[in-house]
């Protein structure tokens, strides 16, 4: 959910720059202003995809860390309980 704010900000910023550039007629003989619409959709989609992948990796590593902590805790407690039983 956190990716939507930067995507919306970048999209609105780029569209504003494009609108200002076209109203001031900044495209001249040396460079041309291209429509940003397909590029912005691609960048926004890529940002969302990268955020989803990073979030999935982080969630998976947190689960593994919790699992390993519980295994280590149980193995240490299990060994001390076995020593006390003998």
C-alpha atoms as a PDB file:
ATOM      1  CA  UNK A   1       0.000   0.000   0.000  1.00  0.00           C
ATOM      2  CA  UNK A   2       2.907   2.368   0.564  1.00  0.00           C
ATOM      3  CA  UNK A   3       3.886   2.323  -3.108  1.00  0.00           C
ATOM      4  CA  UNK A   4       0.781   4.198  -4.243  1.00  0.00           C
ATOM      5  CA  UNK A   5       1.876   7.521  -2.732  1.00  0.00           C
ATOM      6  CA  UNK A   6       5.217   7.755  -4.626  1.00  0.00           C
ATOM      7  CA  UNK A   7       3.623   6.504  -7.848  1.00  0.00           C
ATOM      8  CA  UNK A   8       0.865   9.118  -7.604  1.00  0.00           C
ATOM      9  CA  UNK A   9       3.394  11.839  -6.752  1.00  0.00           C
ATOM     10  CA  UNK A  10       5.742  10.978  -9.619  1.00  0.00           C
ATOM     11  CA  UNK A  11       2.862  10.683 -12.088  1.00  0.00           C
ATOM     12  CA  UNK A  12       1.351  14.025 -11.145  1.00  0.00           C
ATOM     13  CA  UNK A  13       4.768  15.712 -11.101  1.00  0.00           C
ATOM     14  CA  UNK A  14       5.722  14.428 -14.545  1.00  0.00           C
ATOM     15  CA  UNK A  15       2.342  15.326 -16.033  1.00  0.00           C
ATOM     16  CA  UNK A  16       2.610  18.830 -14.560  1.00  0.00           C
ATOM     17  CA  UNK A  17       6.086  19.285 -16.025  1.00  0.00           C
ATOM     18  CA  UNK A  18       4.814  18.061 -19.396  1.00  0.00           C
ATOM     19  CA  UNK A  19       1.817  20.422 -19.285  1.00  0.00           C
ATOM     20  CA  UNK A  20       4.028  23.388 -18.388  1.00  0.00           C
ATOM     21  CA  UNK A  21       6.460  22.460 -21.142  1.00  0.00           C
ATOM     22  CA  UNK A  22       3.743  22.228 -23.768  1.00  0.00           C
ATOM     23  CA  UNK A  23       2.061  25.489 -22.750  1.00  0.00           C
ATOM     24  CA  UNK A  24       5.384  27.353 -22.798  1.00  0.00           C
ATOM     25  CA  UNK A  25       6.213  25.677 -26.106  1.00  0.00           C
ATOM     26  CA  UNK A  26       9.565  24.376 -24.873  1.00  0.00           C
ATOM     27  CA  UNK A  27       9.982  21.791 -27.570  1.00  0.00           C
ATOM     28  CA  UNK A  28      12.161  23.351 -30.157  1.00  0.00           C
ATOM     29  CA  UNK A  29      14.640  22.289 -32.763  1.00  0.00           C
ATOM     30  CA  UNK A  30      17.076  20.701 -30.287  1.00  0.00           C
ATOM     31  CA  UNK A  31      14.711  18.482 -28.303  1.00  0.00           C
ATOM     32  CA  UNK A  32      11.100  17.397 -28.330  1.00  0.00           C
ATOM     33  CA  UNK A  33       8.688  16.706 -25.495  1.00  0.00           C
ATOM     34  CA  UNK A  34       7.274  13.213 -25.804  1.00  0.00           C
ATOM     35  CA  UNK A  35       3.985  12.225 -24.216  1.00  0.00           C
ATOM     36  CA  UNK A  36       4.767  10.705 -20.818  1.00  0.00           C
ATOM     37  CA  UNK A  37       1.695   8.480 -20.540  1.00  0.00           C
ATOM     38  CA  UNK A  38       3.051   5.044 -21.575  1.00  0.00           C
ATOM     39  CA  UNK A  39       6.353   5.713 -19.801  1.00  0.00           C
ATOM     40  CA  UNK A  40       4.605   6.709 -16.568  1.00  0.00           C
ATOM     41  CA  UNK A  41       2.451   3.593 -16.599  1.00  0.00           C
ATOM     42  CA  UNK A  42       5.536   1.437 -17.095  1.00  0.00           C
ATOM     43  CA  UNK A  43       7.498   3.194 -14.327  1.00  0.00           C
ATOM     44  CA  UNK A  44       4.512   3.062 -11.957  1.00  0.00           C
ATOM     45  CA  UNK A  45       3.979  -0.623 -12.642  1.00  0.00           C
ATOM     46  CA  UNK A  46       7.668  -1.351 -12.157  1.00  0.00           C
ATOM     47  CA  UNK A  47       7.699   0.535  -8.843  1.00  0.00           C
ATOM     48  CA  UNK A  48       4.654  -1.396  -7.632  1.00  0.00           C
ATOM     49  CA  UNK A  49       6.163  -4.726  -8.736  1.00  0.00           C
ATOM     50  CA  UNK A  50       9.486  -3.999  -7.010  1.00  0.00           C
ATOM     51  CA  UNK A  51       7.641  -2.984  -3.834  1.00  0.00           C
ATOM     52  CA  UNK A  52       5.614  -6.193  -3.866  1.00  0.00           C
ATOM     53  CA  UNK A  53       8.725  -8.340  -4.373  1.00  0.00           C
ATOM     54  CA  UNK A  54      10.670  -6.568  -1.624  1.00  0.00           C
ATOM     55  CA  UNK A  55       7.698  -6.852   0.733  1.00  0.00           C
ATOM     56  CA  UNK A  56       7.325 -10.563   0.022  1.00  0.00           C
ATOM     57  CA  UNK A  57      11.034 -11.188   0.610  1.00  0.00           C
ATOM     58  CA  UNK A  58      10.960  -9.208   3.854  1.00  0.00           C
ATOM     59  CA  UNK A  59       7.865 -11.026   5.106  1.00  0.00           C
ATOM     60  CA  UNK A  60       9.425 -14.373   4.243  1.00  0.00           C
ATOM     61  CA  UNK A  61      12.699 -13.556   6.022  1.00  0.00           C
ATOM     62  CA  UNK A  62      10.815 -12.398   9.120  1.00  0.00           C
ATOM     63  CA  UNK A  63       8.901 -15.690   9.176  1.00  0.00           C
ATOM     64  CA  UNK A  64      12.136 -17.658   8.828  1.00  0.00           C
ATOM     65  CA  UNK A  65      13.754 -15.632  11.616  1.00  0.00           C
ATOM     66  CA  UNK A  66      10.794 -16.289  13.933  1.00  0.00           C
ATOM     67  CA  UNK A  67      10.841 -19.985  13.066  1.00  0.00           C
ATOM     68  CA  UNK A  68      14.565 -20.277  13.736  1.00  0.00           C
ATOM     69  CA  UNK A  69      14.219 -18.435  17.046  1.00  0.00           C
ATOM     70  CA  UNK A  70      11.484 -20.811  18.145  1.00  0.00           C
ATOM     71  CA  UNK A  71      13.509 -23.858  17.035  1.00  0.00           C
ATOM     72  CA  UNK A  72      16.595 -22.648  18.880  1.00  0.00           C
ATOM     73  CA  UNK A  73      14.576 -21.760  21.958  1.00  0.00           C
ATOM     74  CA  UNK A  74      12.831 -25.142  21.965  1.00  0.00           C
ATOM     75  CA  UNK A  75      16.055 -27.056  21.412  1.00  0.00           C
ATOM     76  CA  UNK A  76      17.822 -25.230  24.251  1.00  0.00           C
ATOM     77  CA  UNK A  77      14.842 -25.665  26.580  1.00  0.00           C
ATOM     78  CA  UNK A  78      14.487 -29.271  25.514  1.00  0.00           C
ATOM     79  CA  UNK A  79      18.120 -30.034  26.367  1.00  0.00           C
ATOM     80  CA  UNK A  80      17.897 -28.412  29.798  1.00  0.00           C
ATOM     81  CA  UNK A  81      14.654 -30.269  30.535  1.00  0.00           C
ATOM     82  CA  UNK A  82      16.303 -33.573  29.598  1.00  0.00           C
ATOM     83  CA  UNK A  83      19.280 -32.850  31.901  1.00  0.00           C
ATOM     84  CA  UNK A  84      16.954 -32.103  34.807  1.00  0.00           C
ATOM     85  CA  UNK A  85      15.020 -35.361  34.242  1.00  0.00           C
ATOM     86  CA  UNK A  86      18.179 -37.478  34.505  1.00  0.00           C
END
